Amino acid sequence: MLQLSYLGIAFAFVFYLIFGITVKFMTLTVYEQNKARLGIILTSLFVFTVSSFSSGFIHVQSAQYIYGILFFLFSGIAMFIFVSLVVELHQISTRAKMRRFMLLFDIVDHYISEGKTNEEILDYLIVIQNLSVKEATDFLTFITDPTNHEFLSDVNAQIREAQLLKT
């Protein structure tokens, strides 16, 4: 069983090296290469974490405490890196959604101030922005509420001020 754990650790390293090199030579866009590399890193870290933990557990059971603690330490470090990457990816995704929301708010607010009808705005959201009918109607209902509109306008103004101060 211990050899299986060692094999898992070795597999994680070989998987990372072989597929990392393979992605480099594939004809992919930069976005697709980065996405593939991220998948390779996350998979390798997860396999390494599980294999190191099981190896540590087996070593502790066989009264080899130093090796057990060492492999538990490796497993903990790998798990920390894995969780950190997943949390950071979630934060990046959330920030991207917030940016898109504020951009849509800015555009729709501009259309409202131009005097466009709700049907024209819904058509823009559904056809151009590829939102579903429910998402578009919910979005329009949300931002046309006076309280929400005032809050979003204030947030948008503060974002613009911060961008001006940054440059």
Protein backbone atom coordinates (compact mmCIF):
# COMPACT_ATOMS: atom_id res chain seq x y z
CA MET A 1 0.00 0.00 0.00
CA LEU A 2 2.89 2.31 0.73
CA GLN A 3 4.25 1.75 -2.78
CA LEU A 4 0.89 2.88 -4.16
CA SER A 5 1.22 6.15 -2.26
CA TYR A 6 4.73 6.65 -3.59
CA LEU A 7 3.45 5.84 -7.06
CA GLY A 8 0.78 8.54 -6.66
CA ILE A 9 3.40 11.11 -5.67
CA ALA A 10 5.57 10.14 -8.63
CA PHE A 11 2.52 10.24 -10.91
CA ALA A 12 1.73 13.80 -9.80
CA PHE A 13 5.22 14.98 -10.77
CA VAL A 14 5.29 13.06 -14.06
CA PHE A 15 1.77 14.25 -14.92
CA TYR A 16 2.80 17.84 -14.27
CA LEU A 17 5.98 17.58 -16.35
CA ILE A 18 4.62 15.63 -19.32
CA PHE A 19 1.36 17.50 -19.73
CA GLY A 20 3.02 20.84 -18.99
CA ILE A 21 5.47 20.29 -21.82
CA THR A 22 2.71 18.94 -24.08
CA VAL A 23 0.55 22.04 -23.61
CA LYS A 24 3.49 24.22 -24.57
CA PHE A 25 3.80 22.51 -27.96
CA MET A 26 0.08 22.40 -28.74
CA THR A 27 -1.44 24.99 -31.04
CA LEU A 28 -3.73 26.61 -28.52
CA THR A 29 -4.54 30.21 -27.81
CA VAL A 30 -2.85 31.77 -24.81
CA TYR A 31 -6.14 31.62 -22.89
CA GLU A 32 -6.56 27.90 -23.62
CA GLN A 33 -2.92 27.19 -22.72
CA ASN A 34 -3.29 28.99 -19.39
CA LYS A 35 -6.54 27.18 -18.66
CA ALA A 36 -4.92 23.81 -19.45
CA ARG A 37 -1.88 24.64 -17.31
CA LEU A 38 -4.13 25.60 -14.42
CA GLY A 39 -5.99 22.30 -14.72
CA ILE A 40 -2.69 20.42 -14.78
CA ILE A 41 -1.41 22.24 -11.70
CA LEU A 42 -4.63 21.71 -9.75
CA THR A 43 -4.80 18.02 -10.69
CA SER A 44 -1.14 17.46 -9.81
CA LEU A 45 -1.50 19.24 -6.47
CA PHE A 46 -4.61 17.26 -5.58
CA VAL A 47 -3.02 13.90 -6.47
CA PHE A 48 0.13 14.86 -4.55
CA THR A 49 -1.95 15.90 -1.53
CA VAL A 50 -3.95 12.68 -1.40
CA SER A 51 -0.90 10.49 -2.01
CA SER A 52 1.23 12.29 0.59
CA PHE A 53 -1.55 12.12 3.16
CA SER A 54 -2.08 8.40 2.62
CA SER A 55 1.68 7.82 2.73
CA GLY A 56 1.91 9.76 5.98
CA PHE A 57 -0.96 7.78 7.44
CA ILE A 58 0.65 4.47 6.47
CA HIS A 59 4.02 5.54 7.91
CA VAL A 60 2.40 6.54 11.21
CA GLN A 61 0.56 3.20 11.35
CA SER A 62 3.83 1.33 10.84
CA ALA A 63 5.49 3.33 13.67
CA GLN A 64 7.71 5.40 11.37
CA TYR A 65 6.65 8.68 12.92
CA ILE A 66 9.28 10.96 11.38
CA TYR A 67 8.38 9.88 7.83
CA GLY A 68 4.70 10.09 8.70
CA ILE A 69 4.99 13.63 10.00
CA LEU A 70 7.12 14.61 7.01
CA PHE A 71 4.53 13.32 4.54
CA PHE A 72 1.70 14.93 6.52
CA LEU A 73 3.64 18.20 6.30
CA PHE A 74 4.02 17.80 2.51
CA SER A 75 0.33 17.03 2.27
CA GLY A 76 -0.60 20.08 4.34
CA ILE A 77 1.57 22.41 2.27
CA ALA A 78 0.15 21.05 -0.98
CA MET A 79 -3.40 21.33 0.35
CA PHE A 80 -2.76 24.92 1.43
CA ILE A 81 -1.50 25.80 -2.06
CA PHE A 82 -4.44 23.98 -3.68
CA VAL A 83 -7.04 25.75 -1.53
CA SER A 84 -5.30 29.11 -2.05
CA LEU A 85 -5.47 28.68 -5.82
CA VAL A 86 -9.14 27.69 -5.73
CA VAL A 87 -10.04 30.66 -3.49
CA GLU A 88 -8.10 33.06 -5.72
CA LEU A 89 -9.86 31.69 -8.82
CA HIS A 90 -13.21 32.23 -7.11
CA GLN A 91 -12.28 35.82 -6.23
CA ILE A 92 -11.17 36.53 -9.80
CA SER A 93 -14.44 35.12 -11.12
CA THR A 94 -16.45 37.24 -8.68
CA ARG A 95 -14.56 40.41 -9.61
CA ALA A 96 -15.13 39.74 -13.31
CA LYS A 97 -18.86 39.31 -12.72
CA MET A 98 -18.98 42.55 -10.72
CA ARG A 99 -17.14 44.43 -13.48
CA ARG A 100 -19.55 43.11 -16.07
CA PHE A 101 -22.52 44.05 -13.89
CA MET A 102 -21.23 47.61 -13.42
CA LEU A 103 -20.48 47.92 -17.13
CA LEU A 104 -24.01 46.78 -17.99
CA PHE A 105 -25.40 49.20 -15.42
CA ASP A 106 -23.43 52.03 -17.02
CA ILE A 107 -24.69 51.16 -20.52
CA VAL A 108 -28.31 50.67 -19.46
CA ASP A 109 -28.22 53.87 -17.40
CA HIS A 110 -26.98 55.69 -20.51
CA TYR A 111 -29.82 54.17 -22.56
CA ILE A 112 -32.39 55.17 -19.94
CA SER A 113 -31.10 58.76 -19.90
CA GLU A 114 -31.34 58.80 -23.73
CA GLY A 115 -35.02 57.92 -23.38
CA LYS A 116 -34.97 54.41 -24.83
CA THR A 117 -37.90 52.18 -23.96
CA ASN A 118 -37.67 49.12 -21.75
CA GLU A 119 -38.27 46.93 -24.81
CA GLU A 120 -35.26 48.41 -26.60
CA ILE A 121 -33.11 47.95 -23.52
CA LEU A 122 -34.32 44.36 -23.05
CA ASP A 123 -33.59 43.69 -26.72
CA TYR A 124 -30.04 45.00 -26.21
CA LEU A 125 -29.51 42.87 -23.10
CA ILE A 126 -30.90 39.71 -24.70
CA VAL A 127 -29.49 39.98 -28.22
CA ILE A 128 -26.21 41.87 -27.79
CA GLN A 129 -25.20 40.84 -24.24
CA ASN A 130 -26.58 37.27 -24.56
CA LEU A 131 -28.54 37.34 -21.32
CA SER A 132 -31.56 35.11 -20.90
CA VAL A 133 -34.97 36.77 -20.83
CA LYS A 134 -35.27 36.19 -17.08
CA GLU A 135 -31.78 37.59 -16.39
CA ALA A 136 -32.46 40.64 -18.54
CA THR A 137 -35.83 41.40 -16.95
CA ASP A 138 -34.46 40.84 -13.44
CA PHE A 139 -31.49 43.09 -14.20
CA LEU A 140 -33.70 45.85 -15.61
CA THR A 141 -36.13 45.58 -12.69
CA PHE A 142 -33.26 45.73 -10.22
CA ILE A 143 -31.57 48.80 -11.65
CA THR A 144 -34.77 50.75 -12.31
CA ASP A 145 -35.69 50.59 -8.63
CA PRO A 146 -34.89 54.13 -7.35
CA THR A 147 -33.01 52.96 -4.24
CA ASN A 148 -30.87 50.48 -6.16
CA HIS A 149 -30.27 52.97 -8.96
CA GLU A 150 -29.07 55.63 -6.51
CA PHE A 151 -26.75 53.18 -4.76
CA LEU A 152 -25.28 51.88 -8.03
CA SER A 153 -24.82 55.43 -9.30
CA ASP A 154 -22.90 56.33 -6.14
CA VAL A 155 -20.73 53.21 -6.46
CA ASN A 156 -20.08 53.98 -10.12
CA ALA A 157 -19.10 57.56 -9.26
CA GLN A 158 -16.67 56.33 -6.59
CA ILE A 159 -15.15 53.85 -9.05
CA ARG A 160 -14.61 56.65 -11.55
CA GLU A 161 -13.03 58.86 -8.87
CA ALA A 162 -10.69 56.04 -7.86
CA GLN A 163 -9.70 55.49 -11.49
CA LEU A 164 -8.99 59.21 -11.93
CA LEU A 165 -6.87 59.28 -8.77
CA LYS A 166 -5.04 56.15 -9.89
CA THR A 167 -3.93 57.68 -13.20
